[in-house]
PDB file of N, CA and C in Angstrom:
ATOM      1  N   UNK A   1      18.601  -5.737 -19.839  1.00  0.00           N
ATOM      2  CA  UNK A   1      18.482  -6.546 -18.960  1.00  0.00           C
ATOM      3  C   UNK A   1      18.113  -5.668 -17.617  1.00  0.00           C
ATOM      4  N   UNK A   2      17.172  -5.678 -16.845  1.00  0.00           N
ATOM      5  CA  UNK A   2      17.013  -4.596 -15.543  1.00  0.00           C
ATOM      6  C   UNK A   2      16.193  -5.016 -14.698  1.00  0.00           C
ATOM      7  N   UNK A   3      16.622  -4.063 -13.344  1.00  0.00           N
ATOM      8  CA  UNK A   3      17.009  -3.978 -12.303  1.00  0.00           C
ATOM      9  C   UNK A   3      15.819  -3.149 -11.779  1.00  0.00           C
ATOM     10  N   UNK A   4      14.958  -4.386 -10.792  1.00  0.00           N
ATOM     11  CA  UNK A   4      13.637  -3.402  -9.891  1.00  0.00           C
ATOM     12  C   UNK A   4      13.926  -3.553  -8.482  1.00  0.00           C
ATOM     13  N   UNK A   5      13.074  -2.166  -8.035  1.00  0.00           N
ATOM     14  CA  UNK A   5      13.691  -2.559  -6.509  1.00  0.00           C
ATOM     15  C   UNK A   5      12.460  -2.449  -6.086  1.00  0.00           C
ATOM     16  N   UNK A   6      12.391  -3.225  -4.417  1.00  0.00           N
ATOM     17  CA  UNK A   6      10.775  -3.372  -3.688  1.00  0.00           C
ATOM     18  C   UNK A   6      11.402  -1.922  -2.513  1.00  0.00           C
ATOM     19  N   UNK A   7       9.579  -1.633  -2.656  1.00  0.00           N
ATOM     20  CA  UNK A   7       9.721  -0.848  -1.531  1.00  0.00           C
ATOM     21  C   UNK A   7       8.434  -0.586  -0.792  1.00  0.00           C
ATOM     22  N   UNK A   8       8.590  -0.549   0.843  1.00  0.00           N
ATOM     23  CA  UNK A   8       7.237  -0.811   1.370  1.00  0.00           C
ATOM     24  C   UNK A   8       7.247   0.858   1.274  1.00  0.00           C
ATOM     25  N   UNK A   9       5.542   0.056   2.241  1.00  0.00           N
ATOM     26  CA  UNK A   9       4.533   1.566   2.280  1.00  0.00           C
ATOM     27  C   UNK A   9       2.824   1.078   2.949  1.00  0.00           C
ATOM     28  N   UNK A  10       2.690   1.590   4.340  1.00  0.00           N
ATOM     29  CA  UNK A  10       1.443   1.897   4.427  1.00  0.00           C
ATOM     30  C   UNK A  10       0.769   3.001   3.986  1.00  0.00           C
ATOM     31  N   UNK A  11      -0.562   1.784   4.333  1.00  0.00           N
ATOM     32  CA  UNK A  11      -1.455   2.802   4.062  1.00  0.00           C
ATOM     33  C   UNK A  11      -3.113   2.941   4.586  1.00  0.00           C
ATOM     34  N   UNK A  12      -3.822   3.415   4.817  1.00  0.00           N
ATOM     35  CA  UNK A  12      -4.418   2.666   5.553  1.00  0.00           C
ATOM     36  C   UNK A  12      -5.852   3.644   4.916  1.00  0.00           C
ATOM     37  N   UNK A  13      -6.939   3.413   4.859  1.00  0.00           N
ATOM     38  CA  UNK A  13      -8.736   3.750   4.823  1.00  0.00           C
ATOM     39  C   UNK A  13     -10.022   3.975   5.877  1.00  0.00           C
ATOM     40  N   UNK A  14     -10.376   4.782   6.194  1.00  0.00           N
ATOM     41  CA  UNK A  14     -11.644   4.301   6.538  1.00  0.00           C
ATOM     42  C   UNK A  14     -13.061   3.104   6.584  1.00  0.00           C
ATOM     43  N   UNK A  15     -12.583   3.262   4.983  1.00  0.00           N
ATOM     44  CA  UNK A  15     -14.176   2.697   4.462  1.00  0.00           C
ATOM     45  C   UNK A  15     -13.410   0.338   4.227  1.00  0.00           C
ATOM     46  N   UNK A  16     -12.156  -0.240   3.925  1.00  0.00           N
ATOM     47  CA  UNK A  16     -11.390  -0.703   3.634  1.00  0.00           C
ATOM     48  C   UNK A  16     -10.632  -1.624   3.307  1.00  0.00           C
ATOM     49  N   UNK A  17     -10.397  -3.171   3.566  1.00  0.00           N
ATOM     50  CA  UNK A  17      -8.801  -2.623   3.563  1.00  0.00           C
ATOM     51  C   UNK A  17      -7.935  -2.179   2.015  1.00  0.00           C
ATOM     52  N   UNK A  18      -9.984  -2.849   0.993  1.00  0.00           N
ATOM     53  CA  UNK A  18     -10.228  -2.911  -0.760  1.00  0.00           C
ATOM     54  C   UNK A  18      -9.831  -1.289  -1.335  1.00  0.00           C
ATOM     55  N   UNK A  19     -10.356  -0.367  -0.079  1.00  0.00           N
ATOM     56  CA  UNK A  19      -9.892   0.442  -0.651  1.00  0.00           C
ATOM     57  C   UNK A  19      -8.378   1.262   0.478  1.00  0.00           C
ATOM     58  N   UNK A  20      -7.735   0.953   0.971  1.00  0.00           N
ATOM     59  CA  UNK A  20      -6.508   1.029   2.096  1.00  0.00           C
ATOM     60  C   UNK A  20      -5.439   0.852   0.537  1.00  0.00           C
ATOM     61  N   UNK A  21      -5.210  -0.885   0.083  1.00  0.00           N
ATOM     62  CA  UNK A  21      -4.521  -0.626  -1.730  1.00  0.00           C
ATOM     63  C   UNK A  21      -4.657   0.481  -2.501  1.00  0.00           C
ATOM     64  N   UNK A  22      -6.140   0.874  -2.755  1.00  0.00           N
ATOM     65  CA  UNK A  22      -5.606   1.125  -3.932  1.00  0.00           C
ATOM     66  C   UNK A  22      -5.006   2.472  -3.408  1.00  0.00           C
ATOM     67  N   UNK A  23      -5.482   3.278  -3.003  1.00  0.00           N
ATOM     68  CA  UNK A  23      -5.013   4.405  -1.870  1.00  0.00           C
ATOM     69  C   UNK A  23      -2.881   4.078  -1.701  1.00  0.00           C
ATOM     70  N   UNK A  24      -2.533   3.468  -0.998  1.00  0.00           N
ATOM     71  CA  UNK A  24      -1.800   3.041  -1.510  1.00  0.00           C
ATOM     72  C   UNK A  24      -0.812   2.986  -2.852  1.00  0.00           C
ATOM     73  N   UNK A  25      -1.602   2.234  -3.383  1.00  0.00           N
ATOM     74  CA  UNK A  25      -0.879   1.943  -4.869  1.00  0.00           C
ATOM     75  C   UNK A  25      -1.447   3.279  -5.601  1.00  0.00           C
ATOM     76  N   UNK A  26      -2.010   3.930  -5.104  1.00  0.00           N
ATOM     77  CA  UNK A  26      -2.262   5.403  -6.532  1.00  0.00           C
ATOM     78  C   UNK A  26      -1.221   6.678  -5.853  1.00  0.00           C
ATOM     79  N   UNK A  27      -1.338   6.573  -4.539  1.00  0.00           N
ATOM     80  CA  UNK A  27       0.281   7.287  -3.648  1.00  0.00           C
ATOM     81  C   UNK A  27       1.399   7.141  -4.694  1.00  0.00           C
ATOM     82  N   UNK A  28       1.607   5.377  -4.608  1.00  0.00           N
ATOM     83  CA  UNK A  28       2.736   5.127  -4.794  1.00  0.00           C
ATOM     84  C   UNK A  28       3.381   5.856  -6.356  1.00  0.00           C
ATOM     85  N   UNK A  29       2.140   6.034  -7.399  1.00  0.00           N
ATOM     86  CA  UNK A  29       1.973   5.846  -8.479  1.00  0.00           C
ATOM     87  C   UNK A  29       1.972   7.607  -8.330  1.00  0.00           C
ATOM     88  N   UNK A  30       2.138   8.422  -7.738  1.00  0.00           N
ATOM     89  CA  UNK A  30       2.303   9.574  -7.612  1.00  0.00           C
ATOM     90  C   UNK A  30       3.867   9.766  -8.108  1.00  0.00           C
ATOM     91  N   UNK A  31       4.526   9.141  -7.071  1.00  0.00           N
ATOM     92  CA  UNK A  31       6.246   9.972  -6.968  1.00  0.00           C
ATOM     93  C   UNK A  31       7.453   8.196  -7.422  1.00  0.00           C
ATOM     94  N   UNK A  32       6.465   7.157  -8.005  1.00  0.00           N
ATOM     95  CA  UNK A  32       7.543   6.136  -8.629  1.00  0.00           C
ATOM     96  C   UNK A  32       7.045   6.393  -9.708  1.00  0.00           C
ATOM     97  N   UNK A  33       7.754   5.667 -11.089  1.00  0.00           N
ATOM     98  CA  UNK A  33       8.049   5.727 -11.527  1.00  0.00           C
ATOM     99  C   UNK A  33       7.943   4.446 -12.444  1.00  0.00           C
ATOM    100  N   UNK A  34       7.215   3.396 -13.108  1.00  0.00           N
ATOM    101  CA  UNK A  34       7.943   2.133 -13.868  1.00  0.00           C
ATOM    102  C   UNK A  34       6.498   0.492 -13.005  1.00  0.00           C
ATOM    103  N   UNK A  35       5.908   1.351 -12.140  1.00  0.00           N
ATOM    104  CA  UNK A  35       5.178   0.879 -11.119  1.00  0.00           C
ATOM    105  C   UNK A  35       4.885  -1.096 -12.061  1.00  0.00           C
ATOM    106  N   UNK A  36       5.144  -2.504 -11.149  1.00  0.00           N
ATOM    107  CA  UNK A  36       5.709  -3.506 -12.010  1.00  0.00           C
ATOM    108  C   UNK A  36       3.976  -4.468 -10.847  1.00  0.00           C
ATOM    109  N   UNK A  37       4.233  -3.930  -9.450  1.00  0.00           N
ATOM    110  CA  UNK A  37       3.557  -4.477  -8.826  1.00  0.00           C
ATOM    111  C   UNK A  37       3.570  -4.535  -7.766  1.00  0.00           C
ATOM    112  N   UNK A  38       2.797  -5.186  -6.973  1.00  0.00           N
ATOM    113  CA  UNK A  38       2.389  -4.721  -5.289  1.00  0.00           C
ATOM    114  C   UNK A  38       1.908  -5.963  -4.873  1.00  0.00           C
ATOM    115  N   UNK A  39       1.966  -6.417  -3.230  1.00  0.00           N
ATOM    116  CA  UNK A  39       1.931  -7.496  -2.860  1.00  0.00           C
ATOM    117  C   UNK A  39       1.573  -7.063  -1.464  1.00  0.00           C
ATOM    118  N   UNK A  40       0.210  -7.234  -0.457  1.00  0.00           N
ATOM    119  CA  UNK A  40      -0.186  -6.999   0.399  1.00  0.00           C
ATOM    120  C   UNK A  40       0.610  -7.950   1.379  1.00  0.00           C
ATOM    121  N   UNK A  41       1.803  -8.012   2.313  1.00  0.00           N
ATOM    122  CA  UNK A  41       2.506  -7.349   3.459  1.00  0.00           C
ATOM    123  C   UNK A  41       1.772  -8.541   4.420  1.00  0.00           C
ATOM    124  N   UNK A  42       0.316  -7.769   5.346  1.00  0.00           N
ATOM    125  CA  UNK A  42      -0.443  -7.335   6.584  1.00  0.00           C
ATOM    126  C   UNK A  42      -1.105  -6.300   6.338  1.00  0.00           C
ATOM    127  N   UNK A  43      -2.018  -6.822   6.570  1.00  0.00           N
ATOM    128  CA  UNK A  43      -3.181  -5.894   7.501  1.00  0.00           C
ATOM    129  C   UNK A  43      -3.603  -6.020   9.126  1.00  0.00           C
ATOM    130  N   UNK A  44      -3.805  -4.581   9.160  1.00  0.00           N
ATOM    131  CA  UNK A  44      -4.117  -4.823  10.595  1.00  0.00           C
ATOM    132  C   UNK A  44      -5.470  -3.327  10.543  1.00  0.00           C
ATOM    133  N   UNK A  45      -5.834  -3.630  11.944  1.00  0.00           N
ATOM    134  CA  UNK A  45      -7.506  -2.127  11.441  1.00  0.00           C
ATOM    135  C   UNK A  45      -7.208  -2.186  12.880  1.00  0.00           C
ATOM    136  N   UNK A  46      -7.362  -0.576  13.286  1.00  0.00           N
ATOM    137  CA  UNK A  46      -7.606   0.457  14.092  1.00  0.00           C
ATOM    138  C   UNK A  46      -8.862   0.449  15.020  1.00  0.00           C
ATOM    139  N   UNK A  47      -9.133   0.040  16.396  1.00  0.00           N
ATOM    140  CA  UNK A  47     -10.499  -0.416  17.109  1.00  0.00           C
ATOM    141  C   UNK A  47     -10.635   1.225  17.247  1.00  0.00           C
ATOM    142  N   UNK A  48     -11.640   1.545  17.636  1.00  0.00           N
ATOM    143  CA  UNK A  48     -12.569   2.929  18.679  1.00  0.00           C
ATOM    144  C   UNK A  48     -12.998   2.239  20.342  1.00  0.00           C
ATOM    145  N   UNK A  49     -12.831   2.815  21.074  1.00  0.00           N
ATOM    146  CA  UNK A  49     -13.661   2.576  22.218  1.00  0.00           C
ATOM    147  C   UNK A  49     -15.016   1.081  22.570  1.00  0.00           C
ATOM    148  N   UNK A  50     -15.525   2.412  21.126  1.00  0.00           N
ATOM    149  CA  UNK A  50     -16.876   0.694  21.341  1.00  0.00           C
ATOM    150  C   UNK A  50     -16.362  -0.535  20.800  1.00  0.00           C
ATOM    151  N   UNK A  51     -15.506  -0.095  19.767  1.00  0.00           N
ATOM    152  CA  UNK A  51     -14.926  -2.265  19.568  1.00  0.00           C
ATOM    153  C   UNK A  51     -15.437  -1.410  17.837  1.00  0.00           C
ATOM    154  N   UNK A  52     -15.859  -0.559  17.692  1.00  0.00           N
ATOM    155  CA  UNK A  52     -16.093  -0.670  16.212  1.00  0.00           C
ATOM    156  C   UNK A  52     -14.710  -0.053  15.017  1.00  0.00           C
ATOM    157  N   UNK A  53     -14.825  -0.656  13.874  1.00  0.00           N
ATOM    158  CA  UNK A  53     -13.922  -0.208  13.488  1.00  0.00           C
ATOM    159  C   UNK A  53     -13.508   1.428  12.984  1.00  0.00           C
ATOM    160  N   UNK A  54     -12.593   1.766  12.844  1.00  0.00           N
ATOM    161  CA  UNK A  54     -11.715   3.180  12.798  1.00  0.00           C
ATOM    162  C   UNK A  54     -11.626   3.241  11.693  1.00  0.00           C
ATOM    163  N   UNK A  55     -10.566   2.243  10.884  1.00  0.00           N
ATOM    164  CA  UNK A  55      -9.425   2.663  10.260  1.00  0.00           C
ATOM    165  C   UNK A  55      -8.517   0.926   9.912  1.00  0.00           C
ATOM    166  N   UNK A  56      -9.142   0.990   8.240  1.00  0.00           N
ATOM    167  CA  UNK A  56      -8.448  -0.731   8.009  1.00  0.00           C
ATOM    168  C   UNK A  56      -7.084   0.322   7.332  1.00  0.00           C
ATOM    169  N   UNK A  57      -5.998  -0.852   7.643  1.00  0.00           N
ATOM    170  CA  UNK A  57      -4.304  -0.474   7.384  1.00  0.00           C
ATOM    171  C   UNK A  57      -3.942  -1.815   6.299  1.00  0.00           C
ATOM    172  N   UNK A  58      -2.798  -1.410   5.593  1.00  0.00           N
ATOM    173  CA  UNK A  58      -1.829  -2.485   5.104  1.00  0.00           C
ATOM    174  C   UNK A  58      -0.830  -1.758   4.944  1.00  0.00           C
ATOM    175  N   UNK A  59       0.240  -3.720   5.118  1.00  0.00           N
ATOM    176  CA  UNK A  59       1.366  -2.556   4.621  1.00  0.00           C
ATOM    177  C   UNK A  59       1.863  -4.004   3.815  1.00  0.00           C
ATOM    178  N   UNK A  60       2.256  -2.271   2.176  1.00  0.00           N
ATOM    179  CA  UNK A  60       2.272  -2.785   0.958  1.00  0.00           C
ATOM    180  C   UNK A  60       4.495  -2.761   0.489  1.00  0.00           C
ATOM    181  N   UNK A  61       4.372  -3.892  -0.325  1.00  0.00           N
ATOM    182  CA  UNK A  61       5.098  -3.763  -0.825  1.00  0.00           C
ATOM    183  C   UNK A  61       5.106  -4.037  -2.128  1.00  0.00           C
ATOM    184  N   UNK A  62       5.780  -3.170  -2.993  1.00  0.00           N
ATOM    185  CA  UNK A  62       5.711  -2.102  -4.365  1.00  0.00           C
ATOM    186  C   UNK A  62       7.353  -2.020  -4.767  1.00  0.00           C
ATOM    187  N   UNK A  63       6.933  -3.099  -6.158  1.00  0.00           N
ATOM    188  CA  UNK A  63       7.551  -3.567  -7.018  1.00  0.00           C
ATOM    189  C   UNK A  63       8.031  -2.338  -8.660  1.00  0.00           C
ATOM    190  N   UNK A  64       8.652  -1.587  -8.545  1.00  0.00           N
ATOM    191  CA  UNK A  64       9.064  -0.684  -9.688  1.00  0.00           C
ATOM    192  C   UNK A  64      10.722  -0.691 -10.260  1.00  0.00           C
ATOM    193  N   UNK A  65      10.988  -0.811 -11.936  1.00  0.00           N
ATOM    194  CA  UNK A  65      12.159  -0.347 -12.646  1.00  0.00           C
ATOM    195  C   UNK A  65      12.320   0.423 -12.659  1.00  0.00           C
ATOM    196  N   UNK A  66      14.138   0.303 -12.106  1.00  0.00           N
ATOM    197  CA  UNK A  66      14.979   1.401 -12.374  1.00  0.00           C
ATOM    198  C   UNK A  66      15.396   1.418 -13.664  1.00  0.00           C
ATOM    199  N   UNK A  67      15.338   2.936 -13.799  1.00  0.00           N
ATOM    200  CA  UNK A  67      15.445   3.280 -15.108  1.00  0.00           C
ATOM    201  C   UNK A  67      16.758   3.541 -15.145  1.00  0.00           C
ATOM    202  N   UNK A  68      17.469   3.497 -16.534  1.00  0.00           N
ATOM    203  CA  UNK A  68      19.104   3.826 -16.696  1.00  0.00           C
ATOM    204  C   UNK A  68      19.529   5.254 -16.660  1.00  0.00           C
TER     205      UNK A  68
END
């Protein structure tokens, strides 16, 4: 039987929500082993004074298996 843990991360990208997700998962992969899944809990955008989108942000829940 295996045990999994869920951790929360926030990632950002100036390109898109999709890119922010990829950035977050890639960063989690550097630190965590046995990544199994991730889901987007929330999305936000950061706006400039002119109303243009400056940054896309995602709040991710990442699941990984705890090793014995």
